[in-house]
Amino acid sequence: MHAVQVNFADDVINEETCPGVRDAIERAMQNMTGDDSVRRYIDTIHQSTRWILETSLDGVSFRVLEDKSRADTDLPHDLVVREEGLTARYVRLRVLSLPYGQTPCVSGLRIFGLAEGTRPAPVEDFSCRQDGPPDLYLDWEGEAEGYVVNWGFSPDKLYHSYMIFSPKVHLGGLMKGQKLWARIDAFNGTGITEGRVLPLR
């Protein structure tokens, strides 16, 4: 295991099931005028998402991987990264509290690792074909699982990207005469290999 992503989802949050929501509405409504059927408000009470993530080899003895039991953040999607990696067979998430006291609802618990083998070869060159001012087509050689095509208007500002699973891509909606650069990163189950930044036009 090199990373775990925790994703929470809302599940029937309303006044009746969550006293915290009812209290927040009552506090806000005391300072409002007009139609009291409107349920819009700004909650002045800080809400936290707190949990503990544990791992185990045998399903009996668990050790803490990440302790968010004192967290002051409200992150419905969180990522725990362990670059050095660790071995585990079981993963357990203990939810301690959620905003407004809602019932825990986990929409995803994603675990990431690295496959055995080597990373793909870097993409150091590609061909570029223009089909009118707004359209560019890039092709290159490669046998990676997929690619991330990063492109932009400066070689150090490649702010746009596409993730694809074949060695070609169409970049559309471009501006006539605008200089462009691109870098194609190759990836597989073992990791990502960064490519070389090249001008497109």
N, C-alpha and C. Protein backbone atom coordinates (compact mmCIF):
# COMPACT_ATOMS: atom_id res chain seq x y z
N MET A 1 0.85 -1.19 0.00
CA MET A 1 0.00 0.00 0.00
C MET A 1 0.88 1.24 0.00
N HIS A 2 0.54 2.16 -0.91
CA HIS A 2 1.26 3.44 -0.94
C HIS A 2 0.34 4.62 -0.69
N ALA A 3 -0.97 4.41 -0.81
CA ALA A 3 -1.92 5.50 -0.55
C ALA A 3 -3.31 4.93 -0.33
N VAL A 4 -4.09 5.65 0.47
CA VAL A 4 -5.50 5.29 0.70
C VAL A 4 -6.32 6.56 0.55
N GLN A 5 -7.38 6.49 -0.25
CA GLN A 5 -8.29 7.62 -0.41
C GLN A 5 -9.60 7.31 0.29
N VAL A 6 -10.03 8.22 1.14
CA VAL A 6 -11.28 8.07 1.89
C VAL A 6 -12.30 9.05 1.33
N ASN A 7 -13.44 8.55 0.89
CA ASN A 7 -14.50 9.38 0.32
C ASN A 7 -15.79 9.21 1.11
N PHE A 8 -16.28 10.32 1.68
CA PHE A 8 -17.56 10.30 2.38
C PHE A 8 -18.66 10.83 1.46
N ALA A 9 -19.89 10.42 1.73
CA ALA A 9 -21.05 10.91 1.00
C ALA A 9 -22.11 11.34 1.98
N ASP A 10 -22.94 12.31 1.59
CA ASP A 10 -24.06 12.73 2.43
C ASP A 10 -25.17 11.68 2.35
N ASP A 11 -25.79 11.43 3.48
CA ASP A 11 -26.87 10.44 3.51
C ASP A 11 -28.03 10.99 4.33
N VAL A 12 -29.05 11.50 3.66
CA VAL A 12 -30.28 11.98 4.29
C VAL A 12 -29.96 13.00 5.38
N ILE A 13 -29.33 14.10 4.99
CA ILE A 13 -29.08 15.17 5.96
C ILE A 13 -30.29 16.09 5.96
N ASN A 14 -30.98 16.13 7.07
CA ASN A 14 -32.09 17.07 7.21
C ASN A 14 -32.30 17.38 8.69
N GLU A 15 -33.25 18.25 8.97
CA GLU A 15 -33.47 18.70 10.35
C GLU A 15 -33.87 17.55 11.27
N GLU A 16 -34.68 16.65 10.76
CA GLU A 16 -35.21 15.60 11.62
C GLU A 16 -34.13 14.59 12.02
N THR A 17 -33.24 14.25 11.08
CA THR A 17 -32.25 13.21 11.37
C THR A 17 -30.96 13.76 11.97
N CYS A 18 -30.68 15.04 11.77
CA CYS A 18 -29.42 15.62 12.27
C CYS A 18 -29.71 16.81 13.17
N PRO A 19 -29.66 16.63 14.47
CA PRO A 19 -29.91 17.75 15.39
C PRO A 19 -29.00 18.92 15.13
N GLY A 20 -27.77 18.68 14.67
CA GLY A 20 -26.85 19.77 14.39
C GLY A 20 -27.37 20.70 13.32
N VAL A 21 -28.03 20.14 12.31
CA VAL A 21 -28.61 20.97 11.24
C VAL A 21 -29.76 21.79 11.80
N ARG A 22 -30.62 21.16 12.59
CA ARG A 22 -31.76 21.87 13.18
C ARG A 22 -31.28 23.02 14.06
N ASP A 23 -30.26 22.77 14.88
CA ASP A 23 -29.74 23.83 15.75
C ASP A 23 -29.14 24.97 14.95
N ALA A 24 -28.42 24.64 13.87
CA ALA A 24 -27.81 25.68 13.05
C ALA A 24 -28.87 26.55 12.39
N ILE A 25 -29.94 25.92 11.92
CA ILE A 25 -31.02 26.68 11.29
C ILE A 25 -31.70 27.58 12.31
N GLU A 26 -31.95 27.05 13.50
CA GLU A 26 -32.60 27.87 14.54
C GLU A 26 -31.74 29.06 14.91
N ARG A 27 -30.42 28.86 15.03
CA ARG A 27 -29.53 29.98 15.34
C ARG A 27 -29.58 31.04 14.25
N ALA A 28 -29.56 30.59 13.00
CA ALA A 28 -29.54 31.54 11.89
C ALA A 28 -30.87 32.26 11.76
N MET A 29 -31.97 31.54 11.96
CA MET A 29 -33.30 32.12 11.77
C MET A 29 -33.59 33.21 12.81
N GLN A 30 -32.94 33.16 13.95
CA GLN A 30 -33.17 34.18 14.98
C GLN A 30 -32.72 35.56 14.51
N ASN A 31 -31.78 35.59 13.59
CA ASN A 31 -31.24 36.87 13.12
C ASN A 31 -31.71 37.24 11.72
N MET A 32 -32.72 36.54 11.22
CA MET A 32 -33.19 36.81 9.86
C MET A 32 -34.59 37.41 9.90
N THR A 33 -34.88 38.15 8.86
CA THR A 33 -36.22 38.69 8.68
C THR A 33 -36.77 38.21 7.35
N GLY A 34 -38.06 38.25 7.19
CA GLY A 34 -38.66 37.84 5.93
C GLY A 34 -39.25 36.46 6.02
N ASP A 35 -39.29 35.78 4.90
CA ASP A 35 -39.92 34.48 4.79
C ASP A 35 -39.14 33.44 5.59
N ASP A 36 -39.72 32.91 6.66
CA ASP A 36 -39.01 31.96 7.51
C ASP A 36 -39.05 30.53 6.96
N SER A 37 -39.65 30.35 5.78
CA SER A 37 -39.64 29.01 5.18
C SER A 37 -38.37 28.78 4.37
N VAL A 38 -37.60 29.85 4.16
CA VAL A 38 -36.35 29.71 3.41
C VAL A 38 -35.30 29.06 4.30
N ARG A 39 -34.69 27.99 3.83
CA ARG A 39 -33.74 27.24 4.65
C ARG A 39 -32.30 27.51 4.22
N ARG A 40 -31.98 28.76 3.93
CA ARG A 40 -30.60 29.14 3.62
C ARG A 40 -30.00 29.80 4.85
N TYR A 41 -28.77 29.44 5.16
CA TYR A 41 -28.14 30.01 6.35
C TYR A 41 -26.63 29.84 6.27
N ILE A 42 -25.91 30.60 7.08
CA ILE A 42 -24.47 30.45 7.24
C ILE A 42 -24.23 29.95 8.65
N ASP A 43 -23.65 28.78 8.77
CA ASP A 43 -23.40 28.21 10.08
C ASP A 43 -22.11 28.78 10.65
N THR A 44 -22.17 29.32 11.83
CA THR A 44 -20.99 29.91 12.47
C THR A 44 -20.24 28.91 13.34
N ILE A 45 -20.77 27.70 13.48
CA ILE A 45 -20.12 26.66 14.26
C ILE A 45 -19.21 25.83 13.35
N HIS A 46 -17.95 25.65 13.73
CA HIS A 46 -17.01 24.87 12.92
C HIS A 46 -17.39 23.39 12.96
N GLN A 47 -17.41 22.75 11.79
CA GLN A 47 -17.75 21.33 11.69
C GLN A 47 -16.49 20.54 11.31
N SER A 48 -16.30 19.37 11.90
CA SER A 48 -15.11 18.57 11.65
C SER A 48 -15.46 17.17 11.18
N THR A 49 -14.56 16.60 10.38
CA THR A 49 -14.65 15.20 9.96
C THR A 49 -13.50 14.47 10.64
N ARG A 50 -13.83 13.51 11.51
CA ARG A 50 -12.81 12.83 12.31
C ARG A 50 -12.93 11.32 12.16
N TRP A 51 -11.78 10.69 11.96
CA TRP A 51 -11.75 9.24 11.78
C TRP A 51 -10.36 8.70 12.08
N ILE A 52 -10.28 7.37 12.19
CA ILE A 52 -9.01 6.66 12.37
C ILE A 52 -8.94 5.56 11.33
N LEU A 53 -7.82 5.50 10.60
CA LEU A 53 -7.61 4.47 9.58
C LEU A 53 -6.56 3.49 10.10
N GLU A 54 -6.91 2.20 10.05
CA GLU A 54 -6.02 1.18 10.60
C GLU A 54 -5.77 0.09 9.57
N THR A 55 -4.63 -0.61 9.73
CA THR A 55 -4.30 -1.73 8.86
C THR A 55 -3.92 -2.94 9.70
N SER A 56 -4.03 -4.10 9.08
CA SER A 56 -3.72 -5.35 9.77
C SER A 56 -3.25 -6.39 8.78
N LEU A 57 -2.42 -7.31 9.24
CA LEU A 57 -1.99 -8.45 8.43
C LEU A 57 -2.89 -9.66 8.64
N ASP A 58 -3.49 -9.77 9.85
CA ASP A 58 -4.27 -10.97 10.18
C ASP A 58 -5.74 -10.70 10.47
N GLY A 59 -6.17 -9.44 10.47
CA GLY A 59 -7.56 -9.12 10.76
C GLY A 59 -7.88 -9.10 12.24
N VAL A 60 -6.90 -9.33 13.09
CA VAL A 60 -7.09 -9.34 14.53
C VAL A 60 -6.33 -8.20 15.19
N SER A 61 -5.07 -8.10 14.88
CA SER A 61 -4.21 -7.06 15.45
C SER A 61 -4.06 -5.92 14.44
N PHE A 62 -4.58 -4.74 14.82
CA PHE A 62 -4.54 -3.59 13.92
C PHE A 62 -3.57 -2.53 14.43
N ARG A 63 -2.97 -1.79 13.50
CA ARG A 63 -2.14 -0.65 13.85
C ARG A 63 -2.66 0.58 13.13
N VAL A 64 -2.47 1.74 13.73
CA VAL A 64 -2.99 3.00 13.18
C VAL A 64 -2.14 3.45 12.00
N LEU A 65 -2.78 3.67 10.88
CA LEU A 65 -2.10 4.22 9.70
C LEU A 65 -2.22 5.74 9.68
N GLU A 66 -3.41 6.25 10.00
CA GLU A 66 -3.65 7.70 10.05
C GLU A 66 -4.67 8.00 11.14
N ASP A 67 -4.33 8.96 12.00
CA ASP A 67 -5.21 9.33 13.11
C ASP A 67 -5.73 10.74 12.90
N LYS A 68 -7.00 10.86 12.53
CA LYS A 68 -7.64 12.16 12.35
C LYS A 68 -8.66 12.40 13.46
N SER A 69 -8.43 11.80 14.63
CA SER A 69 -9.39 11.90 15.73
C SER A 69 -9.44 13.30 16.33
N ARG A 70 -8.44 14.13 16.08
CA ARG A 70 -8.43 15.50 16.60
C ARG A 70 -8.42 16.53 15.47
N ALA A 71 -8.74 16.09 14.28
CA ALA A 71 -8.70 16.98 13.11
C ALA A 71 -9.71 18.13 13.25
N ASP A 72 -9.32 19.30 12.79
CA ASP A 72 -10.22 20.45 12.76
C ASP A 72 -10.71 20.75 11.35
N THR A 73 -10.47 19.86 10.44
CA THR A 73 -10.85 20.07 9.05
C THR A 73 -12.13 19.32 8.72
N ASP A 74 -12.82 19.78 7.68
CA ASP A 74 -14.00 19.10 7.16
C ASP A 74 -13.67 18.66 5.75
N LEU A 75 -13.02 17.52 5.62
CA LEU A 75 -12.61 17.01 4.31
C LEU A 75 -13.43 15.78 3.95
N PRO A 76 -14.42 15.92 3.08
CA PRO A 76 -15.20 14.75 2.68
C PRO A 76 -14.39 13.78 1.83
N HIS A 77 -13.28 14.26 1.25
CA HIS A 77 -12.40 13.40 0.46
C HIS A 77 -10.97 13.66 0.95
N ASP A 78 -10.34 12.63 1.46
CA ASP A 78 -9.00 12.78 2.03
C ASP A 78 -8.08 11.71 1.46
N LEU A 79 -6.79 12.03 1.40
CA LEU A 79 -5.80 11.11 0.84
C LEU A 79 -4.66 10.93 1.82
N VAL A 80 -4.38 9.69 2.16
CA VAL A 80 -3.28 9.33 3.04
C VAL A 80 -2.19 8.71 2.16
N VAL A 81 -1.00 9.29 2.16
CA VAL A 81 0.10 8.81 1.30
C VAL A 81 1.24 8.30 2.17
N ARG A 82 1.76 7.14 1.80
CA ARG A 82 2.95 6.57 2.43
C ARG A 82 3.91 6.21 1.30
N GLU A 83 4.80 7.13 0.97
CA GLU A 83 5.72 6.94 -0.15
C GLU A 83 6.55 5.67 0.00
N GLU A 84 6.95 5.35 1.24
CA GLU A 84 7.79 4.18 1.46
C GLU A 84 7.02 2.87 1.30
N GLY A 85 5.71 2.94 1.36
CA GLY A 85 4.87 1.76 1.21
C GLY A 85 4.82 0.91 2.47
N LEU A 86 3.78 0.10 2.59
CA LEU A 86 3.64 -0.83 3.71
C LEU A 86 2.79 -2.01 3.26
N THR A 87 2.93 -3.10 4.00
CA THR A 87 2.20 -4.33 3.66
C THR A 87 1.00 -4.48 4.59
N ALA A 88 -0.15 -4.78 4.03
CA ALA A 88 -1.36 -5.00 4.82
C ALA A 88 -2.31 -5.90 4.04
N ARG A 89 -3.14 -6.62 4.78
CA ARG A 89 -4.18 -7.44 4.15
C ARG A 89 -5.57 -6.88 4.43
N TYR A 90 -5.72 -6.20 5.58
CA TYR A 90 -7.01 -5.64 5.97
C TYR A 90 -6.86 -4.14 6.22
N VAL A 91 -7.90 -3.39 5.90
CA VAL A 91 -7.96 -1.96 6.17
C VAL A 91 -9.27 -1.68 6.89
N ARG A 92 -9.20 -0.94 7.98
CA ARG A 92 -10.40 -0.63 8.76
C ARG A 92 -10.50 0.88 8.96
N LEU A 93 -11.67 1.43 8.68
CA LEU A 93 -11.94 2.85 8.88
C LEU A 93 -12.95 2.99 10.02
N ARG A 94 -12.54 3.68 11.09
CA ARG A 94 -13.43 3.94 12.22
C ARG A 94 -13.81 5.42 12.18
N VAL A 95 -15.07 5.70 11.87
CA VAL A 95 -15.55 7.08 11.78
C VAL A 95 -15.98 7.54 13.16
N LEU A 96 -15.40 8.65 13.63
CA LEU A 96 -15.68 9.16 14.97
C LEU A 96 -16.74 10.24 14.95
N SER A 97 -16.66 11.17 14.00
CA SER A 97 -17.69 12.21 13.91
C SER A 97 -17.67 12.84 12.53
N LEU A 98 -18.86 13.28 12.11
CA LEU A 98 -19.03 13.96 10.84
C LEU A 98 -19.81 15.25 11.07
N PRO A 99 -19.75 16.21 10.16
CA PRO A 99 -20.50 17.45 10.33
C PRO A 99 -21.98 17.21 10.61
N TYR A 100 -22.51 17.97 11.56
CA TYR A 100 -23.92 17.93 11.95
C TYR A 100 -24.34 16.58 12.53
N GLY A 101 -23.37 15.78 12.96
CA GLY A 101 -23.70 14.50 13.57
C GLY A 101 -24.35 13.51 12.62
N GLN A 102 -24.11 13.65 11.33
CA GLN A 102 -24.77 12.78 10.37
C GLN A 102 -24.26 11.34 10.49
N THR A 103 -25.05 10.41 9.99
CA THR A 103 -24.68 9.00 9.98
C THR A 103 -23.55 8.77 8.98
N PRO A 104 -22.49 8.06 9.37
CA PRO A 104 -21.39 7.83 8.43
C PRO A 104 -21.85 7.10 7.18
N CYS A 105 -21.41 7.60 6.05
CA CYS A 105 -21.72 7.00 4.76
C CYS A 105 -20.46 7.12 3.90
N VAL A 106 -19.81 5.99 3.65
CA VAL A 106 -18.57 5.98 2.88
C VAL A 106 -18.89 5.59 1.44
N SER A 107 -18.57 6.48 0.51
CA SER A 107 -18.84 6.18 -0.90
C SER A 107 -17.65 5.51 -1.56
N GLY A 108 -16.48 5.61 -0.94
CA GLY A 108 -15.31 4.95 -1.52
C GLY A 108 -14.16 4.86 -0.54
N LEU A 109 -13.50 3.72 -0.54
CA LEU A 109 -12.27 3.52 0.22
C LEU A 109 -11.30 2.88 -0.77
N ARG A 110 -10.48 3.73 -1.39
CA ARG A 110 -9.63 3.27 -2.48
C ARG A 110 -8.20 3.09 -1.99
N ILE A 111 -7.62 1.93 -2.30
CA ILE A 111 -6.27 1.60 -1.85
C ILE A 111 -5.37 1.48 -3.08
N PHE A 112 -4.21 2.17 -3.02
CA PHE A 112 -3.30 2.21 -4.15
C PHE A 112 -1.97 1.57 -3.79
N GLY A 113 -1.43 0.83 -4.71
CA GLY A 113 -0.11 0.22 -4.56
C GLY A 113 0.66 0.36 -5.85
N LEU A 114 1.79 -0.29 -5.93
CA LEU A 114 2.62 -0.27 -7.14
C LEU A 114 2.84 -1.70 -7.60
N ALA A 115 2.71 -1.90 -8.92
CA ALA A 115 2.93 -3.23 -9.48
C ALA A 115 4.43 -3.51 -9.56
N GLU A 116 4.76 -4.78 -9.70
CA GLU A 116 6.16 -5.14 -9.91
C GLU A 116 6.53 -4.85 -11.36
N GLY A 117 7.80 -4.59 -11.59
CA GLY A 117 8.26 -4.31 -12.95
C GLY A 117 8.94 -2.96 -13.02
N THR A 118 8.98 -2.41 -14.22
CA THR A 118 9.66 -1.13 -14.44
C THR A 118 8.69 -0.11 -15.00
N ARG A 119 9.01 1.13 -14.78
CA ARG A 119 8.19 2.21 -15.32
C ARG A 119 8.36 2.28 -16.84
N PRO A 120 7.37 2.85 -17.53
CA PRO A 120 7.47 2.92 -18.99
C PRO A 120 8.57 3.87 -19.44
N ALA A 121 9.01 3.69 -20.67
CA ALA A 121 10.02 4.57 -21.26
C ALA A 121 9.44 5.97 -21.43
N PRO A 122 10.28 6.99 -21.31
CA PRO A 122 9.77 8.36 -21.47
C PRO A 122 9.40 8.67 -22.91
N VAL A 123 8.41 9.54 -23.08
CA VAL A 123 8.05 10.03 -24.42
C VAL A 123 8.90 11.26 -24.68
N GLU A 124 9.87 11.10 -25.57
CA GLU A 124 10.81 12.18 -25.82
C GLU A 124 10.56 12.89 -27.13
N ASP A 125 9.66 12.36 -27.95
CA ASP A 125 9.36 13.00 -29.23
C ASP A 125 7.96 12.61 -29.66
N PHE A 126 7.33 13.48 -30.41
CA PHE A 126 6.01 13.19 -30.96
C PHE A 126 5.81 14.03 -32.22
N SER A 127 4.91 13.55 -33.07
CA SER A 127 4.59 14.30 -34.29
C SER A 127 3.35 15.14 -34.04
N CYS A 128 3.29 16.27 -34.71
CA CYS A 128 2.20 17.21 -34.51
C CYS A 128 1.63 17.59 -35.87
N ARG A 129 0.32 17.42 -36.04
CA ARG A 129 -0.35 17.77 -37.30
C ARG A 129 -1.45 18.77 -37.00
N GLN A 130 -1.48 19.86 -37.75
CA GLN A 130 -2.51 20.88 -37.54
C GLN A 130 -3.61 20.72 -38.57
N ASP A 131 -4.85 20.83 -38.13
CA ASP A 131 -6.01 20.73 -39.02
C ASP A 131 -6.85 21.99 -38.82
N GLY A 132 -6.37 23.09 -39.40
CA GLY A 132 -7.01 24.38 -39.17
C GLY A 132 -6.46 24.99 -37.89
N PRO A 133 -6.65 26.29 -37.70
CA PRO A 133 -6.08 26.97 -36.52
C PRO A 133 -6.47 26.39 -35.17
N PRO A 134 -7.71 25.90 -35.00
CA PRO A 134 -8.07 25.48 -33.63
C PRO A 134 -7.75 24.03 -33.27
N ASP A 135 -7.21 23.24 -34.20
CA ASP A 135 -7.07 21.80 -33.95
C ASP A 135 -5.66 21.29 -34.20
N LEU A 136 -5.13 20.54 -33.21
CA LEU A 136 -3.84 19.87 -33.32
C LEU A 136 -4.01 18.40 -32.99
N TYR A 137 -3.27 17.56 -33.73
CA TYR A 137 -3.29 16.13 -33.49
C TYR A 137 -1.86 15.67 -33.18
N LEU A 138 -1.68 15.03 -32.04
CA LEU A 138 -0.37 14.54 -31.63
C LEU A 138 -0.34 13.01 -31.70
N ASP A 139 0.78 12.47 -32.19
CA ASP A 139 1.00 11.03 -32.23
C ASP A 139 2.41 10.75 -31.74
N TRP A 140 2.61 9.60 -31.08
CA TRP A 140 3.93 9.23 -30.60
C TRP A 140 4.00 7.71 -30.46
N GLU A 141 5.22 7.21 -30.26
CA GLU A 141 5.45 5.79 -30.05
C GLU A 141 5.47 5.50 -28.56
N GLY A 142 4.88 4.38 -28.17
CA GLY A 142 4.90 4.02 -26.76
C GLY A 142 4.03 2.82 -26.47
N GLU A 143 4.36 2.10 -25.39
CA GLU A 143 3.60 0.92 -24.99
C GLU A 143 3.18 1.00 -23.53
N ALA A 144 2.98 2.21 -23.03
CA ALA A 144 2.55 2.39 -21.64
C ALA A 144 1.06 2.06 -21.52
N GLU A 145 0.60 1.87 -20.28
CA GLU A 145 -0.84 1.67 -20.04
C GLU A 145 -1.63 2.91 -20.44
N GLY A 146 -1.05 4.07 -20.17
CA GLY A 146 -1.72 5.31 -20.49
C GLY A 146 -0.76 6.47 -20.46
N TYR A 147 -1.32 7.66 -20.78
CA TYR A 147 -0.49 8.86 -20.90
C TYR A 147 -1.26 10.06 -20.35
N VAL A 148 -0.50 11.01 -19.84
CA VAL A 148 -1.06 12.29 -19.46
C VAL A 148 -0.39 13.34 -20.34
N VAL A 149 -1.18 13.97 -21.20
CA VAL A 149 -0.67 15.00 -22.10
C VAL A 149 -0.87 16.35 -21.41
N ASN A 150 0.22 16.97 -21.02
CA ASN A 150 0.19 18.29 -20.38
C ASN A 150 0.56 19.33 -21.41
N TRP A 151 -0.24 20.38 -21.54
CA TRP A 151 0.08 21.41 -22.54
C TRP A 151 -0.31 22.79 -22.03
N GLY A 152 0.33 23.80 -22.63
CA GLY A 152 0.05 25.16 -22.20
C GLY A 152 0.74 26.18 -23.09
N PHE A 153 0.70 27.44 -22.67
CA PHE A 153 1.17 28.55 -23.48
C PHE A 153 2.59 28.98 -23.13
N SER A 154 3.24 28.23 -22.25
CA SER A 154 4.62 28.49 -21.86
C SER A 154 5.22 27.15 -21.43
N PRO A 155 6.51 26.91 -21.70
CA PRO A 155 7.08 25.61 -21.35
C PRO A 155 7.06 25.30 -19.86
N ASP A 156 6.96 26.32 -19.02
CA ASP A 156 6.90 26.09 -17.57
C ASP A 156 5.49 26.29 -17.01
N LYS A 157 4.49 26.40 -17.89
CA LYS A 157 3.10 26.59 -17.45
C LYS A 157 2.18 25.68 -18.26
N LEU A 158 2.34 24.39 -18.06
CA LEU A 158 1.53 23.40 -18.77
C LEU A 158 0.31 23.09 -17.92
N TYR A 159 -0.65 24.01 -17.94
CA TYR A 159 -1.79 23.94 -17.02
C TYR A 159 -2.97 23.11 -17.53
N HIS A 160 -2.94 22.69 -18.79
CA HIS A 160 -4.03 21.88 -19.35
C HIS A 160 -3.55 20.45 -19.48
N SER A 161 -4.47 19.49 -19.39
CA SER A 161 -4.04 18.10 -19.50
C SER A 161 -5.18 17.20 -19.97
N TYR A 162 -4.78 16.10 -20.61
CA TYR A 162 -5.67 15.01 -20.99
C TYR A 162 -5.05 13.72 -20.48
N MET A 163 -5.85 12.82 -19.93
CA MET A 163 -5.38 11.47 -19.64
C MET A 163 -6.01 10.55 -20.66
N ILE A 164 -5.17 9.78 -21.36
CA ILE A 164 -5.66 8.91 -22.43
C ILE A 164 -4.96 7.56 -22.33
N PHE A 165 -5.48 6.59 -23.08
CA PHE A 165 -4.94 5.24 -23.02
C PHE A 165 -4.45 4.74 -24.37
N SER A 166 -4.14 5.67 -25.27
CA SER A 166 -3.55 5.33 -26.56
C SER A 166 -2.56 6.43 -26.93
N PRO A 167 -1.57 6.14 -27.78
CA PRO A 167 -0.52 7.12 -28.08
C PRO A 167 -0.92 8.16 -29.12
N LYS A 168 -2.04 8.82 -28.90
CA LYS A 168 -2.47 9.91 -29.78
C LYS A 168 -3.52 10.73 -29.07
N VAL A 169 -3.60 12.01 -29.44
CA VAL A 169 -4.58 12.89 -28.82
C VAL A 169 -4.92 14.04 -29.77
N HIS A 170 -6.14 14.53 -29.63
CA HIS A 170 -6.60 15.70 -30.38
C HIS A 170 -6.77 16.86 -29.41
N LEU A 171 -6.09 17.96 -29.67
CA LEU A 171 -6.24 19.18 -28.88
C LEU A 171 -7.07 20.16 -29.70
N GLY A 172 -8.25 20.50 -29.23
CA GLY A 172 -9.14 21.38 -29.98
C GLY A 172 -9.42 22.68 -29.27
N GLY A 173 -10.07 23.60 -29.97
CA GLY A 173 -10.46 24.88 -29.38
C GLY A 173 -9.28 25.80 -29.12
N LEU A 174 -8.23 25.70 -29.92
CA LEU A 174 -7.04 26.51 -29.71
C LEU A 174 -7.17 27.86 -30.40
N MET A 175 -6.29 28.78 -30.05
CA MET A 175 -6.32 30.12 -30.64
C MET A 175 -5.31 30.20 -31.78
N LYS A 176 -5.70 30.85 -32.86
CA LYS A 176 -4.84 31.00 -34.01
C LYS A 176 -3.59 31.79 -33.65
N GLY A 177 -2.42 31.26 -34.01
CA GLY A 177 -1.17 31.95 -33.78
C GLY A 177 -0.61 31.84 -32.38
N GLN A 178 -1.32 31.22 -31.46
CA GLN A 178 -0.85 31.09 -30.08
C GLN A 178 0.22 30.01 -29.98
N LYS A 179 1.37 30.36 -29.41
CA LYS A 179 2.43 29.38 -29.23
C LYS A 179 2.02 28.38 -28.15
N LEU A 180 2.38 27.12 -28.38
CA LEU A 180 2.01 26.05 -27.45
C LEU A 180 3.19 25.13 -27.19
N TRP A 181 3.21 24.53 -25.98
CA TRP A 181 4.19 23.52 -25.61
C TRP A 181 3.45 22.35 -24.99
N ALA A 182 4.08 21.18 -25.05
CA ALA A 182 3.46 19.98 -24.47
C ALA A 182 4.52 19.07 -23.88
N ARG A 183 4.08 18.29 -22.88
CA ARG A 183 4.90 17.23 -22.28
C ARG A 183 3.99 16.02 -22.11
N ILE A 184 4.43 14.87 -22.54
CA ILE A 184 3.63 13.66 -22.44
C ILE A 184 4.26 12.73 -21.41
N ASP A 185 3.55 12.48 -20.32
CA ASP A 185 4.01 11.58 -19.27
C ASP A 185 3.38 10.21 -19.48
N ALA A 186 4.20 9.16 -19.40
CA ALA A 186 3.72 7.80 -19.58
C ALA A 186 3.57 7.13 -18.21
N PHE A 187 2.54 6.30 -18.06
CA PHE A 187 2.35 5.61 -16.78
C PHE A 187 1.92 4.16 -16.97
N ASN A 188 2.22 3.38 -15.95
CA ASN A 188 1.70 2.02 -15.84
C ASN A 188 1.54 1.72 -14.35
N GLY A 189 1.35 0.47 -14.00
CA GLY A 189 1.11 0.13 -12.60
C GLY A 189 2.27 0.39 -11.67
N THR A 190 3.47 0.61 -12.22
CA THR A 190 4.65 0.84 -11.38
C THR A 190 4.91 2.32 -11.13
N GLY A 191 4.28 3.20 -11.89
CA GLY A 191 4.49 4.63 -11.68
C GLY A 191 4.40 5.45 -12.94
N ILE A 192 4.92 6.68 -12.87
CA ILE A 192 4.84 7.64 -13.96
C ILE A 192 6.24 8.03 -14.40
N THR A 193 6.45 8.13 -15.72
CA THR A 193 7.71 8.61 -16.28
C THR A 193 7.44 9.91 -17.01
N GLU A 194 8.08 10.97 -16.56
CA GLU A 194 7.86 12.29 -17.15
C GLU A 194 8.55 12.39 -18.50
N GLY A 195 7.85 13.00 -19.44
CA GLY A 195 8.39 13.17 -20.78
C GLY A 195 9.16 14.47 -20.93
N ARG A 196 9.51 14.81 -22.18
CA ARG A 196 10.28 16.00 -22.47
C ARG A 196 9.34 17.08 -23.00
N VAL A 197 9.55 18.33 -22.56
CA VAL A 197 8.72 19.46 -23.01
C VAL A 197 9.18 19.87 -24.40
N LEU A 198 8.21 19.93 -25.33
CA LEU A 198 8.52 20.29 -26.71
C LEU A 198 7.52 21.32 -27.21
N PRO A 199 7.95 22.21 -28.13
CA PRO A 199 7.00 23.18 -28.71
C PRO A 199 6.08 22.48 -29.69
N LEU A 200 4.84 22.93 -29.74
CA LEU A 200 3.87 22.40 -30.69
C LEU A 200 3.78 23.25 -31.93
N ARG A 201 3.87 24.57 -31.74
CA ARG A 201 3.86 25.46 -32.92
C ARG A 201 4.37 26.82 -32.48
